[in-house]
């Protein structure tokens, strides 16, 4: 179980900058407003994770992959941090 959670976290971390870059490209091309930014980030993250699962033959685990995509989208929109910040001393 721990290996699967670690794998999904790694997938979310890898997809987050890709998701953010795609959202930024869409924002600059279409003039997307801030209210729709989070929704577009979530959708792009979920689609990318679904494509990842299909590409690497993990169709039986599509649910957890879509959850990783959700985390990726939340991270790309700034609503969730996938990396831990160092403790302040």
N, C-alpha and C. Protein backbone atom coordinates (compact mmCIF):
# COMPACT_ATOMS: atom_id res chain seq x y z
N UNK A 1 0.81 -1.20 0.00
CA UNK A 1 0.00 0.00 0.00
C UNK A 1 0.85 1.26 0.00
N UNK A 2 1.94 1.24 0.77
CA UNK A 2 2.81 2.41 0.83
C UNK A 2 3.46 2.69 -0.51
N UNK A 3 3.83 1.64 -1.23
CA UNK A 3 4.45 1.84 -2.53
C UNK A 3 3.50 2.49 -3.52
N UNK A 4 2.23 2.11 -3.47
CA UNK A 4 1.24 2.69 -4.38
C UNK A 4 1.03 4.17 -4.07
N UNK A 5 0.95 4.51 -2.77
CA UNK A 5 0.79 5.91 -2.40
C UNK A 5 1.99 6.74 -2.80
N UNK A 6 3.16 6.19 -2.62
CA UNK A 6 4.37 6.89 -3.03
C UNK A 6 4.40 7.09 -4.54
N UNK A 7 4.02 6.06 -5.28
CA UNK A 7 3.98 6.15 -6.74
C UNK A 7 3.00 7.23 -7.20
N UNK A 8 1.82 7.28 -6.59
CA UNK A 8 0.83 8.27 -6.98
C UNK A 8 1.27 9.68 -6.61
N UNK A 9 1.95 9.82 -5.48
CA UNK A 9 2.48 11.13 -5.10
C UNK A 9 3.53 11.59 -6.08
N UNK A 10 4.39 10.67 -6.50
CA UNK A 10 5.42 11.01 -7.49
C UNK A 10 4.77 11.42 -8.81
N UNK A 11 3.74 10.71 -9.22
CA UNK A 11 3.04 11.06 -10.46
C UNK A 11 2.44 12.46 -10.34
N UNK A 12 1.83 12.76 -9.21
CA UNK A 12 1.25 14.09 -9.01
C UNK A 12 2.32 15.17 -9.04
N UNK A 13 3.48 14.89 -8.44
CA UNK A 13 4.58 15.86 -8.43
C UNK A 13 5.12 16.08 -9.85
N UNK A 14 5.19 15.02 -10.62
CA UNK A 14 5.68 15.15 -12.00
C UNK A 14 4.67 15.90 -12.86
N UNK A 15 3.39 15.63 -12.67
CA UNK A 15 2.37 16.25 -13.51
C UNK A 15 2.07 17.70 -13.14
N UNK A 16 2.33 18.11 -11.91
CA UNK A 16 1.97 19.47 -11.47
C UNK A 16 2.62 20.56 -12.32
N UNK A 17 3.92 20.52 -12.60
CA UNK A 17 4.48 21.59 -13.44
C UNK A 17 3.98 21.54 -14.89
N UNK A 18 3.71 20.34 -15.38
CA UNK A 18 3.17 20.21 -16.73
C UNK A 18 1.76 20.81 -16.76
N UNK A 19 0.98 20.50 -15.75
CA UNK A 19 -0.36 21.05 -15.64
C UNK A 19 -0.31 22.57 -15.55
N UNK A 20 0.58 23.09 -14.72
CA UNK A 20 0.70 24.54 -14.56
C UNK A 20 1.11 25.20 -15.87
N UNK A 21 2.01 24.58 -16.59
CA UNK A 21 2.46 25.15 -17.87
C UNK A 21 1.32 25.17 -18.89
N UNK A 22 0.55 24.09 -18.95
CA UNK A 22 -0.58 24.05 -19.88
C UNK A 22 -1.65 25.08 -19.51
N UNK A 23 -1.92 25.23 -18.23
CA UNK A 23 -2.90 26.22 -17.79
C UNK A 23 -2.41 27.62 -18.13
N UNK A 24 -1.13 27.88 -17.93
CA UNK A 24 -0.57 29.19 -18.26
C UNK A 24 -0.68 29.46 -19.75
N UNK A 25 -0.43 28.45 -20.56
CA UNK A 25 -0.55 28.61 -22.01
C UNK A 25 -2.00 28.90 -22.41
N UNK A 26 -2.93 28.21 -21.77
CA UNK A 26 -4.35 28.45 -22.06
C UNK A 26 -4.76 29.84 -21.60
N UNK A 27 -4.26 30.26 -20.43
CA UNK A 27 -4.58 31.59 -19.93
C UNK A 27 -4.09 32.68 -20.88
N UNK A 28 -2.86 32.53 -21.36
CA UNK A 28 -2.33 33.56 -22.24
C UNK A 28 -2.97 33.52 -23.63
N UNK A 29 -3.41 32.36 -24.08
CA UNK A 29 -4.02 32.26 -25.40
C UNK A 29 -5.47 32.70 -25.42
N UNK A 30 -6.19 32.46 -24.31
CA UNK A 30 -7.62 32.73 -24.31
C UNK A 30 -8.04 33.84 -23.37
N UNK A 31 -7.15 34.32 -22.53
CA UNK A 31 -7.53 35.33 -21.55
C UNK A 31 -8.42 34.78 -20.46
N UNK A 32 -8.13 33.57 -20.02
CA UNK A 32 -8.92 32.89 -18.99
C UNK A 32 -8.91 33.70 -17.70
N UNK A 33 -10.08 33.88 -17.09
CA UNK A 33 -10.14 34.65 -15.86
C UNK A 33 -9.78 33.77 -14.66
N UNK A 34 -9.51 34.40 -13.53
CA UNK A 34 -9.02 33.70 -12.35
C UNK A 34 -10.04 32.72 -11.78
N UNK A 35 -11.31 32.99 -11.95
CA UNK A 35 -12.33 32.10 -11.40
C UNK A 35 -12.32 30.74 -12.08
N UNK A 36 -12.01 30.71 -13.35
CA UNK A 36 -12.01 29.45 -14.09
C UNK A 36 -10.65 28.76 -14.07
N UNK A 37 -9.65 29.44 -13.55
CA UNK A 37 -8.29 28.91 -13.52
C UNK A 37 -8.20 27.59 -12.76
N UNK A 38 -8.83 27.54 -11.59
CA UNK A 38 -8.77 26.33 -10.77
C UNK A 38 -9.47 25.17 -11.45
N UNK A 39 -10.63 25.42 -12.03
CA UNK A 39 -11.36 24.37 -12.72
C UNK A 39 -10.57 23.82 -13.90
N UNK A 40 -9.96 24.70 -14.67
CA UNK A 40 -9.14 24.26 -15.81
C UNK A 40 -7.94 23.47 -15.32
N UNK A 41 -7.33 23.90 -14.22
CA UNK A 41 -6.18 23.16 -13.65
C UNK A 41 -6.59 21.76 -13.24
N UNK A 42 -7.73 21.64 -12.59
CA UNK A 42 -8.22 20.33 -12.16
C UNK A 42 -8.48 19.42 -13.36
N UNK A 43 -9.17 19.96 -14.36
CA UNK A 43 -9.49 19.15 -15.53
C UNK A 43 -8.24 18.70 -16.28
N UNK A 44 -7.29 19.60 -16.45
CA UNK A 44 -6.06 19.24 -17.15
C UNK A 44 -5.28 18.20 -16.35
N UNK A 45 -5.19 18.37 -15.03
CA UNK A 45 -4.49 17.39 -14.20
C UNK A 45 -5.12 16.01 -14.28
N UNK A 46 -6.44 15.96 -14.23
CA UNK A 46 -7.15 14.67 -14.30
C UNK A 46 -6.96 14.02 -15.66
N UNK A 47 -7.06 14.81 -16.72
CA UNK A 47 -6.88 14.26 -18.08
C UNK A 47 -5.45 13.74 -18.27
N UNK A 48 -4.46 14.51 -17.81
CA UNK A 48 -3.07 14.06 -17.95
C UNK A 48 -2.82 12.77 -17.17
N UNK A 49 -3.36 12.68 -15.97
CA UNK A 49 -3.16 11.46 -15.17
C UNK A 49 -3.87 10.27 -15.81
N UNK A 50 -5.05 10.50 -16.36
CA UNK A 50 -5.75 9.43 -17.07
C UNK A 50 -4.96 8.96 -18.28
N UNK A 51 -4.40 9.91 -19.03
CA UNK A 51 -3.56 9.53 -20.17
C UNK A 51 -2.32 8.77 -19.73
N UNK A 52 -1.75 9.18 -18.59
CA UNK A 52 -0.58 8.49 -18.04
C UNK A 52 -0.94 7.03 -17.74
N UNK A 53 -2.08 6.82 -17.09
CA UNK A 53 -2.51 5.46 -16.74
C UNK A 53 -2.74 4.62 -17.99
N UNK A 54 -3.37 5.20 -18.99
CA UNK A 54 -3.61 4.47 -20.24
C UNK A 54 -2.32 4.18 -20.99
N UNK A 55 -1.41 5.14 -21.00
CA UNK A 55 -0.15 4.98 -21.73
C UNK A 55 0.70 3.86 -21.14
N UNK A 56 0.76 3.79 -19.82
CA UNK A 56 1.61 2.81 -19.18
C UNK A 56 0.87 1.54 -18.78
N UNK A 57 -0.35 1.36 -19.26
CA UNK A 57 -1.07 0.12 -19.07
C UNK A 57 -1.61 -0.13 -17.67
N UNK A 58 -1.96 0.93 -16.98
CA UNK A 58 -2.49 0.79 -15.63
C UNK A 58 -3.98 1.10 -15.61
N UNK A 59 -4.70 0.58 -16.56
CA UNK A 59 -6.13 0.86 -16.67
C UNK A 59 -6.88 0.33 -15.45
N UNK A 60 -6.40 -0.76 -14.86
CA UNK A 60 -7.06 -1.32 -13.68
C UNK A 60 -6.93 -0.41 -12.46
N UNK A 61 -5.99 0.54 -12.49
CA UNK A 61 -5.78 1.46 -11.37
C UNK A 61 -6.14 2.89 -11.77
N UNK A 62 -7.10 3.06 -12.66
CA UNK A 62 -7.42 4.38 -13.19
C UNK A 62 -7.92 5.33 -12.10
N UNK A 63 -8.64 4.82 -11.12
CA UNK A 63 -9.16 5.67 -10.04
C UNK A 63 -8.07 6.38 -9.25
N UNK A 64 -7.10 5.65 -8.72
CA UNK A 64 -6.02 6.32 -8.00
C UNK A 64 -5.21 7.27 -8.88
N UNK A 65 -5.06 6.93 -10.15
CA UNK A 65 -4.34 7.82 -11.06
C UNK A 65 -5.12 9.13 -11.25
N UNK A 66 -6.43 9.03 -11.36
CA UNK A 66 -7.23 10.24 -11.49
C UNK A 66 -7.15 11.08 -10.22
N UNK A 67 -7.03 10.42 -9.06
CA UNK A 67 -6.84 11.16 -7.81
C UNK A 67 -5.50 11.88 -7.82
N UNK A 68 -4.46 11.24 -8.36
CA UNK A 68 -3.16 11.90 -8.49
C UNK A 68 -3.28 13.10 -9.43
N UNK A 69 -4.09 12.97 -10.46
CA UNK A 69 -4.33 14.10 -11.36
C UNK A 69 -5.06 15.23 -10.67
N UNK A 70 -5.98 14.89 -9.79
CA UNK A 70 -6.67 15.90 -9.00
C UNK A 70 -5.69 16.65 -8.12
N UNK A 71 -4.80 15.92 -7.45
CA UNK A 71 -3.76 16.56 -6.64
C UNK A 71 -2.85 17.43 -7.49
N UNK A 72 -2.54 16.96 -8.68
CA UNK A 72 -1.71 17.73 -9.60
C UNK A 72 -2.39 19.04 -9.99
N UNK A 73 -3.67 18.97 -10.29
CA UNK A 73 -4.40 20.18 -10.64
C UNK A 73 -4.51 21.15 -9.48
N UNK A 74 -4.76 20.63 -8.28
CA UNK A 74 -4.82 21.49 -7.11
C UNK A 74 -3.46 22.14 -6.83
N UNK A 75 -2.41 21.38 -7.01
CA UNK A 75 -1.08 21.92 -6.80
C UNK A 75 -0.74 22.98 -7.85
N UNK A 76 -1.11 22.73 -9.09
CA UNK A 76 -0.83 23.69 -10.16
C UNK A 76 -1.60 24.99 -9.96
N UNK A 77 -2.78 24.92 -9.37
CA UNK A 77 -3.55 26.13 -9.14
C UNK A 77 -3.17 26.83 -7.84
N UNK A 78 -2.32 26.20 -7.04
CA UNK A 78 -1.84 26.83 -5.81
C UNK A 78 -2.70 26.52 -4.60
N UNK A 79 -3.65 25.62 -4.72
CA UNK A 79 -4.51 25.30 -3.59
C UNK A 79 -3.97 24.17 -2.71
N UNK A 80 -2.95 23.48 -3.18
CA UNK A 80 -2.41 22.35 -2.43
C UNK A 80 -0.91 22.29 -2.65
N UNK A 81 -0.14 22.07 -1.60
CA UNK A 81 1.31 21.94 -1.71
C UNK A 81 1.69 20.48 -1.67
N UNK A 82 2.37 20.01 -2.71
CA UNK A 82 2.82 18.63 -2.74
C UNK A 82 4.16 18.44 -2.05
N UNK A 83 4.87 19.52 -1.85
CA UNK A 83 6.17 19.42 -1.18
C UNK A 83 6.05 20.03 0.22
N UNK A 84 6.78 19.45 1.14
CA UNK A 84 6.76 19.95 2.51
C UNK A 84 7.71 21.13 2.62
N UNK A 85 7.26 22.14 3.29
CA UNK A 85 8.13 23.29 3.54
C UNK A 85 8.95 23.01 4.79
N UNK A 86 10.18 23.48 4.79
CA UNK A 86 11.04 23.28 5.94
C UNK A 86 10.49 23.98 7.17
N UNK A 87 10.74 23.40 8.31
CA UNK A 87 10.26 23.98 9.55
C UNK A 87 11.02 25.25 9.85
N UNK A 88 10.29 26.26 10.29
CA UNK A 88 10.94 27.52 10.66
C UNK A 88 11.59 27.34 12.02
N UNK A 89 12.78 27.92 12.14
CA UNK A 89 13.51 27.76 13.40
C UNK A 89 13.56 29.04 14.17
